[in-house]
Amino acid sequence: TVGGTAFGSPECIRFSYATSDEKIVEA
């Protein structure tokens, strides 16, 4: 994943869901 500090929000974390349903469920 990517921590939110570089995006200006140190309290958040970014998930990209540009991946398959199976991988999202497993993640």
PDB file of all heavy atoms in Angstrom:
ATOM      1  N   THR A   1       0.877  -1.174   0.000  1.00  0.00           N
ATOM      2  CA  THR A   1       0.000   0.000   0.000  1.00  0.00           C
ATOM      3  C   THR A   1       0.915   1.225   0.000  1.00  0.00           C
ATOM      4  O   THR A   1       2.134   1.086  -0.107  1.00  0.00           O
ATOM      5  CB  THR A   1      -0.890   0.014   1.250  1.00  0.00           C
ATOM      6  OG1 THR A   1      -0.040   0.130   2.407  1.00  0.00           O
ATOM      7  CG2 THR A   1      -1.720  -1.255   1.365  1.00  0.00           C
ATOM      8  N   VAL A   2       0.344   2.416   0.122  1.00  0.00           N
ATOM      9  CA  VAL A   2       1.171   3.622   0.214  1.00  0.00           C
ATOM     10  C   VAL A   2       0.661   4.478   1.371  1.00  0.00           C
ATOM     11  O   VAL A   2      -0.534   4.799   1.441  1.00  0.00           O
ATOM     12  CB  VAL A   2       1.131   4.465  -1.091  1.00  0.00           C
ATOM     13  CG1 VAL A   2       2.130   5.619  -1.002  1.00  0.00           C
ATOM     14  CG2 VAL A   2       1.433   3.611  -2.308  1.00  0.00           C
ATOM     15  N   GLY A   3       1.568   4.846   2.287  1.00  0.00           N
ATOM     16  CA  GLY A   3       1.204   5.730   3.389  1.00  0.00           C
ATOM     17  C   GLY A   3       0.782   7.098   2.882  1.00  0.00           C
ATOM     18  O   GLY A   3       1.234   7.553   1.824  1.00  0.00           O
ATOM     19  N   GLY A   4      -0.077   7.776   3.642  1.00  0.00           N
ATOM     20  CA  GLY A   4      -0.688   9.011   3.156  1.00  0.00           C
ATOM     21  C   GLY A   4       0.132  10.275   3.283  1.00  0.00           C
ATOM     22  O   GLY A   4      -0.256  11.325   2.755  1.00  0.00           O
ATOM     23  N   THR A   5       1.278  10.233   3.970  1.00  0.00           N
ATOM     24  CA  THR A   5       2.044  11.462   4.213  1.00  0.00           C
ATOM     25  C   THR A   5       2.439  12.158   2.920  1.00  0.00           C
ATOM     26  O   THR A   5       2.300  13.376   2.783  1.00  0.00           O
ATOM     27  CB  THR A   5       3.300  11.159   5.056  1.00  0.00           C
ATOM     28  OG1 THR A   5       2.887  10.551   6.283  1.00  0.00           O
ATOM     29  CG2 THR A   5       4.066  12.430   5.383  1.00  0.00           C
ATOM     30  N   ALA A   6       2.915  11.389   1.937  1.00  0.00           N
ATOM     31  CA  ALA A   6       3.355  11.983   0.674  1.00  0.00           C
ATOM     32  C   ALA A   6       2.196  12.632  -0.085  1.00  0.00           C
ATOM     33  O   ALA A   6       2.403  13.511  -0.926  1.00  0.00           O
ATOM     34  CB  ALA A   6       4.021  10.931  -0.204  1.00  0.00           C
ATOM     35  N   PHE A   7       0.966  12.220   0.230  1.00  0.00           N
ATOM     36  CA  PHE A   7      -0.213  12.811  -0.401  1.00  0.00           C
ATOM     37  C   PHE A   7      -0.758  13.984   0.418  1.00  0.00           C
ATOM     38  O   PHE A   7      -1.778  14.576   0.048  1.00  0.00           O
ATOM     39  CB  PHE A   7      -1.329  11.766  -0.546  1.00  0.00           C
ATOM     40  CG  PHE A   7      -0.948  10.566  -1.372  1.00  0.00           C
ATOM     41  CD1 PHE A   7      -0.646   9.354  -0.771  1.00  0.00           C
ATOM     42  CD2 PHE A   7      -0.905  10.626  -2.759  1.00  0.00           C
ATOM     43  CE1 PHE A   7      -0.311   8.229  -1.525  1.00  0.00           C
ATOM     44  CE2 PHE A   7      -0.571   9.513  -3.521  1.00  0.00           C
ATOM     45  CZ  PHE A   7      -0.267   8.317  -2.901  1.00  0.00           C
ATOM     46  N   GLY A   8      -0.110  14.277   1.549  1.00  0.00           N
ATOM     47  CA  GLY A   8      -0.564  15.380   2.399  1.00  0.00           C
ATOM     48  C   GLY A   8      -1.521  14.971   3.499  1.00  0.00           C
ATOM     49  O   GLY A   8      -2.086  15.811   4.183  1.00  0.00           O
ATOM     50  N   SER A   9      -1.726  13.666   3.691  1.00  0.00           N
ATOM     51  CA  SER A   9      -2.634  13.174   4.736  1.00  0.00           C
ATOM     52  C   SER A   9      -1.965  12.066   5.530  1.00  0.00           C
ATOM     53  O   SER A   9      -2.157  10.877   5.263  1.00  0.00           O
ATOM     54  CB  SER A   9      -3.934  12.652   4.119  1.00  0.00           C
ATOM     55  OG  SER A   9      -4.707  13.707   3.646  1.00  0.00           O
ATOM     56  N   PRO A  10      -1.145  12.454   6.524  1.00  0.00           N
ATOM     57  CA  PRO A  10      -0.382  11.447   7.277  1.00  0.00           C
ATOM     58  C   PRO A  10      -1.251  10.499   8.095  1.00  0.00           C
ATOM     59  O   PRO A  10      -0.750   9.508   8.616  1.00  0.00           O
ATOM     60  CB  PRO A  10       0.523  12.290   8.188  1.00  0.00           C
ATOM     61  CG  PRO A  10      -0.101  13.644   8.230  1.00  0.00           C
ATOM     62  CD  PRO A  10      -0.846  13.834   6.955  1.00  0.00           C
ATOM     63  N   GLU A  11      -2.554  10.789   8.189  1.00  0.00           N
ATOM     64  CA  GLU A  11      -3.445   9.932   8.977  1.00  0.00           C
ATOM     65  C   GLU A  11      -4.133   8.861   8.129  1.00  0.00           C
ATOM     66  O   GLU A  11      -4.927   8.077   8.636  1.00  0.00           O
ATOM     67  CB  GLU A  11      -4.508  10.791   9.698  1.00  0.00           C
ATOM     68  CG  GLU A  11      -5.610  11.360   8.815  1.00  0.00           C
ATOM     69  CD  GLU A  11      -5.221  12.555   7.957  1.00  0.00           C
ATOM     70  OE1 GLU A  11      -4.029  12.944   7.935  1.00  0.00           O
ATOM     71  OE2 GLU A  11      -6.119  13.111   7.293  1.00  0.00           O
ATOM     72  N   CYS A  12      -3.812   8.829   6.825  1.00  0.00           N
ATOM     73  CA  CYS A  12      -4.502   7.916   5.900  1.00  0.00           C
ATOM     74  C   CYS A  12      -3.515   6.977   5.200  1.00  0.00           C
ATOM     75  O   CYS A  12      -2.307   7.170   5.252  1.00  0.00           O
ATOM     76  CB  CYS A  12      -5.275   8.711   4.848  1.00  0.00           C
ATOM     77  SG  CYS A  12      -6.634   9.700   5.516  1.00  0.00           S
ATOM     78  N   ILE A  13      -4.073   5.985   4.525  1.00  0.00           N
ATOM     79  CA  ILE A  13      -3.268   5.039   3.759  1.00  0.00           C
ATOM     80  C   ILE A  13      -4.006   4.779   2.437  1.00  0.00           C
ATOM     81  O   ILE A  13      -5.239   4.748   2.407  1.00  0.00           O
ATOM     82  CB  ILE A  13      -3.062   3.736   4.577  1.00  0.00           C
ATOM     83  CG1 ILE A  13      -1.990   2.847   3.967  1.00  0.00           C
ATOM     84  CG2 ILE A  13      -4.354   2.982   4.798  1.00  0.00           C
ATOM     85  CD1 ILE A  13      -1.505   1.751   4.927  1.00  0.00           C
ATOM     86  N   ARG A  14      -3.250   4.646   1.330  1.00  0.00           N
ATOM     87  CA  ARG A  14      -3.904   4.493   0.031  1.00  0.00           C
ATOM     88  C   ARG A  14      -3.843   3.060  -0.470  1.00  0.00           C
ATOM     89  O   ARG A  14      -2.787   2.439  -0.486  1.00  0.00           O
ATOM     90  CB  ARG A  14      -3.259   5.407  -1.023  1.00  0.00           C
ATOM     91  CG  ARG A  14      -4.096   5.503  -2.305  1.00  0.00           C
ATOM     92  CD  ARG A  14      -3.356   6.188  -3.437  1.00  0.00           C
ATOM     93  NE  ARG A  14      -2.379   5.291  -4.075  1.00  0.00           N
ATOM     94  CZ  ARG A  14      -1.740   5.551  -5.214  1.00  0.00           C
ATOM     95  NH1 ARG A  14      -1.953   6.700  -5.833  1.00  0.00           N
ATOM     96  NH2 ARG A  14      -0.878   4.693  -5.720  1.00  0.00           N
ATOM     97  N   PHE A  15      -5.008   2.572  -0.905  1.00  0.00           N
ATOM     98  CA  PHE A  15      -5.114   1.278  -1.564  1.00  0.00           C
ATOM     99  C   PHE A  15      -5.550   1.514  -3.004  1.00  0.00           C
ATOM    100  O   PHE A  15      -6.510   2.243  -3.244  1.00  0.00           O
ATOM    101  CB  PHE A  15      -6.178   0.394  -0.894  1.00  0.00           C
ATOM    102  CG  PHE A  15      -5.887   0.034   0.530  1.00  0.00           C
ATOM    103  CD1 PHE A  15      -6.381   0.804   1.576  1.00  0.00           C
ATOM    104  CD2 PHE A  15      -5.119  -1.077   0.836  1.00  0.00           C
ATOM    105  CE1 PHE A  15      -6.118   0.471   2.894  1.00  0.00           C
ATOM    106  CE2 PHE A  15      -4.851  -1.417   2.155  1.00  0.00           C
ATOM    107  CZ  PHE A  15      -5.345  -0.640   3.188  1.00  0.00           C
ATOM    108  N   SER A  16      -4.863   0.908  -3.960  1.00  0.00           N
ATOM    109  CA  SER A  16      -5.328   0.910  -5.346  1.00  0.00           C
ATOM    110  C   SER A  16      -6.092  -0.387  -5.582  1.00  0.00           C
ATOM    111  O   SER A  16      -5.567  -1.472  -5.332  1.00  0.00           O
ATOM    112  CB  SER A  16      -4.150   0.992  -6.317  1.00  0.00           C
ATOM    113  OG  SER A  16      -4.570   0.646  -7.626  1.00  0.00           O
ATOM    114  N   TYR A  17      -7.337  -0.259  -6.055  1.00  0.00           N
ATOM    115  CA  TYR A  17      -8.092  -1.482  -6.346  1.00  0.00           C
ATOM    116  C   TYR A  17      -8.113  -1.775  -7.849  1.00  0.00           C
ATOM    117  O   TYR A  17      -9.051  -2.380  -8.379  1.00  0.00           O
ATOM    118  CB  TYR A  17      -9.497  -1.452  -5.740  1.00  0.00           C
ATOM    119  CG  TYR A  17     -10.375  -0.265  -6.062  1.00  0.00           C
ATOM    120  CD1 TYR A  17     -11.182  -0.256  -7.188  1.00  0.00           C
ATOM    121  CD2 TYR A  17     -10.420   0.839  -5.209  1.00  0.00           C
ATOM    122  CE1 TYR A  17     -12.005   0.811  -7.474  1.00  0.00           C
ATOM    123  CE2 TYR A  17     -11.236   1.913  -5.486  1.00  0.00           C
ATOM    124  CZ  TYR A  17     -12.034   1.896  -6.622  1.00  0.00           C
ATOM    125  OH  TYR A  17     -12.855   2.966  -6.898  1.00  0.00           O
ATOM    126  N   ALA A  18      -7.028  -1.367  -8.531  1.00  0.00           N
ATOM    127  CA  ALA A  18      -6.846  -1.721  -9.944  1.00  0.00           C
ATOM    128  C   ALA A  18      -6.233  -3.120 -10.029  1.00  0.00           C
ATOM    129  O   ALA A  18      -5.172  -3.332 -10.603  1.00  0.00           O
ATOM    130  CB  ALA A  18      -5.964  -0.688 -10.633  1.00  0.00           C
ATOM    131  N   THR A  19      -6.916  -4.055  -9.402  1.00  0.00           N
ATOM    132  CA  THR A  19      -6.471  -5.452  -9.394  1.00  0.00           C
ATOM    133  C   THR A  19      -7.700  -6.338  -9.272  1.00  0.00           C
ATOM    134  O   THR A  19      -8.811  -5.832  -9.058  1.00  0.00           O
ATOM    135  CB  THR A  19      -5.460  -5.701  -8.255  1.00  0.00           C
ATOM    136  OG1 THR A  19      -4.880  -6.988  -8.411  1.00  0.00           O
ATOM    137  CG2 THR A  19      -6.089  -5.597  -6.874  1.00  0.00           C
ATOM    138  N   SER A  20      -7.543  -7.639  -9.413  1.00  0.00           N
ATOM    139  CA  SER A  20      -8.711  -8.534  -9.502  1.00  0.00           C
ATOM    140  C   SER A  20      -9.481  -8.620  -8.185  1.00  0.00           C
ATOM    141  O   SER A  20      -8.945  -8.362  -7.100  1.00  0.00           O
ATOM    142  CB  SER A  20      -8.252  -9.938  -9.893  1.00  0.00           C
ATOM    143  OG  SER A  20      -7.525 -10.523  -8.820  1.00  0.00           O
ATOM    144  N   ASP A  21     -10.755  -9.013  -8.292  1.00  0.00           N
ATOM    145  CA  ASP A  21     -11.599  -9.203  -7.098  1.00  0.00           C
ATOM    146  C   ASP A  21     -10.941 -10.187  -6.138  1.00  0.00           C
ATOM    147  O   ASP A  21     -10.941  -9.975  -4.916  1.00  0.00           O
ATOM    148  CB  ASP A  21     -12.980  -9.761  -7.499  1.00  0.00           C
ATOM    149  CG  ASP A  21     -13.789  -8.801  -8.346  1.00  0.00           C
ATOM    150  OD1 ASP A  21     -13.190  -8.098  -9.187  1.00  0.00           O
ATOM    151  OD2 ASP A  21     -15.014  -8.751  -8.174  1.00  0.00           O
ATOM    152  N   GLU A  22     -10.376 -11.260  -6.704  1.00  0.00           N
ATOM    153  CA  GLU A  22      -9.747 -12.295  -5.859  1.00  0.00           C
ATOM    154  C   GLU A  22      -8.592 -11.711  -5.051  1.00  0.00           C
ATOM    155  O   GLU A  22      -8.434 -12.003  -3.861  1.00  0.00           O
ATOM    156  CB  GLU A  22      -9.233 -13.453  -6.729  1.00  0.00           C
ATOM    157  CG  GLU A  22     -10.304 -14.255  -7.448  1.00  0.00           C
ATOM    158  CD  GLU A  22     -10.914 -13.534  -8.646  1.00  0.00           C
ATOM    159  OE1 GLU A  22     -10.282 -12.612  -9.204  1.00  0.00           O
ATOM    160  OE2 GLU A  22     -12.059 -13.881  -9.021  1.00  0.00           O
ATOM    161  N   LYS A  23      -7.790 -10.876  -5.712  1.00  0.00           N
ATOM    162  CA  LYS A  23      -6.645 -10.279  -5.009  1.00  0.00           C
ATOM    163  C   LYS A  23      -7.108  -9.268  -3.958  1.00  0.00           C
ATOM    164  O   LYS A  23      -6.486  -9.139  -2.900  1.00  0.00           O
ATOM    165  CB  LYS A  23      -5.703  -9.625  -6.011  1.00  0.00           C
ATOM    166  CG  LYS A  23      -4.878 -10.645  -6.782  1.00  0.00           C
ATOM    167  CD  LYS A  23      -3.820 -10.008  -7.649  1.00  0.00           C
ATOM    168  CE  LYS A  23      -2.966 -11.080  -8.330  1.00  0.00           C
ATOM    169  NZ  LYS A  23      -1.986 -10.493  -9.257  1.00  0.00           N
ATOM    170  N   ILE A  24      -8.176  -8.545  -4.235  1.00  0.00           N
ATOM    171  CA  ILE A  24      -8.719  -7.590  -3.246  1.00  0.00           C
ATOM    172  C   ILE A  24      -9.190  -8.362  -2.008  1.00  0.00           C
ATOM    173  O   ILE A  24      -8.882  -7.986  -0.875  1.00  0.00           O
ATOM    174  CB  ILE A  24      -9.872  -6.763  -3.861  1.00  0.00           C
ATOM    175  CG1 ILE A  24      -9.337  -5.834  -4.962  1.00  0.00           C
ATOM    176  CG2 ILE A  24     -10.584  -5.938  -2.775  1.00  0.00           C
ATOM    177  CD1 ILE A  24     -10.411  -5.196  -5.826  1.00  0.00           C
ATOM    178  N   VAL A  25      -9.924  -9.457  -2.232  1.00  0.00           N
ATOM    179  CA  VAL A  25     -10.421 -10.269  -1.110  1.00  0.00           C
ATOM    180  C   VAL A  25      -9.258 -10.843  -0.309  1.00  0.00           C
ATOM    181  O   VAL A  25      -9.238 -10.770   0.936  1.00  0.00           O
ATOM    182  CB  VAL A  25     -11.346 -11.400  -1.629  1.00  0.00           C
ATOM    183  CG1 VAL A  25     -11.665 -12.392  -0.510  1.00  0.00           C
ATOM    184  CG2 VAL A  25     -12.628 -10.806  -2.197  1.00  0.00           C
ATOM    185  N   GLU A  26      -8.258 -11.379  -1.007  1.00  0.00           N
ATOM    186  CA  GLU A  26      -7.090 -11.948  -0.325  1.00  0.00           C
ATOM    187  C   GLU A  26      -6.315 -10.876   0.427  1.00  0.00           C
ATOM    188  O   GLU A  26      -5.876 -11.094   1.572  1.00  0.00           O
ATOM    189  CB  GLU A  26      -6.185 -12.649  -1.342  1.00  0.00           C
ATOM    190  CG  GLU A  26      -4.852 -13.150  -0.793  1.00  0.00           C
ATOM    191  CD  GLU A  26      -4.974 -14.161   0.345  1.00  0.00           C
ATOM    192  OE1 GLU A  26      -6.055 -14.752   0.544  1.00  0.00           O
ATOM    193  OE2 GLU A  26      -3.954 -14.363   1.039  1.00  0.00           O
ATOM    194  N   ALA A  27      -6.145  -9.703  -0.184  1.00  0.00           N
ATOM    195  CA  ALA A  27      -5.414  -8.607   0.466  1.00  0.00           C
ATOM    196  C   ALA A  27      -6.077  -8.228   1.784  1.00  0.00           C
ATOM    197  O   ALA A  27      -5.400  -8.089   2.820  1.00  0.00           O
ATOM    198  CB  ALA A  27      -5.348  -7.395  -0.456  1.00  0.00           C
TER     199      ALA A  27
END
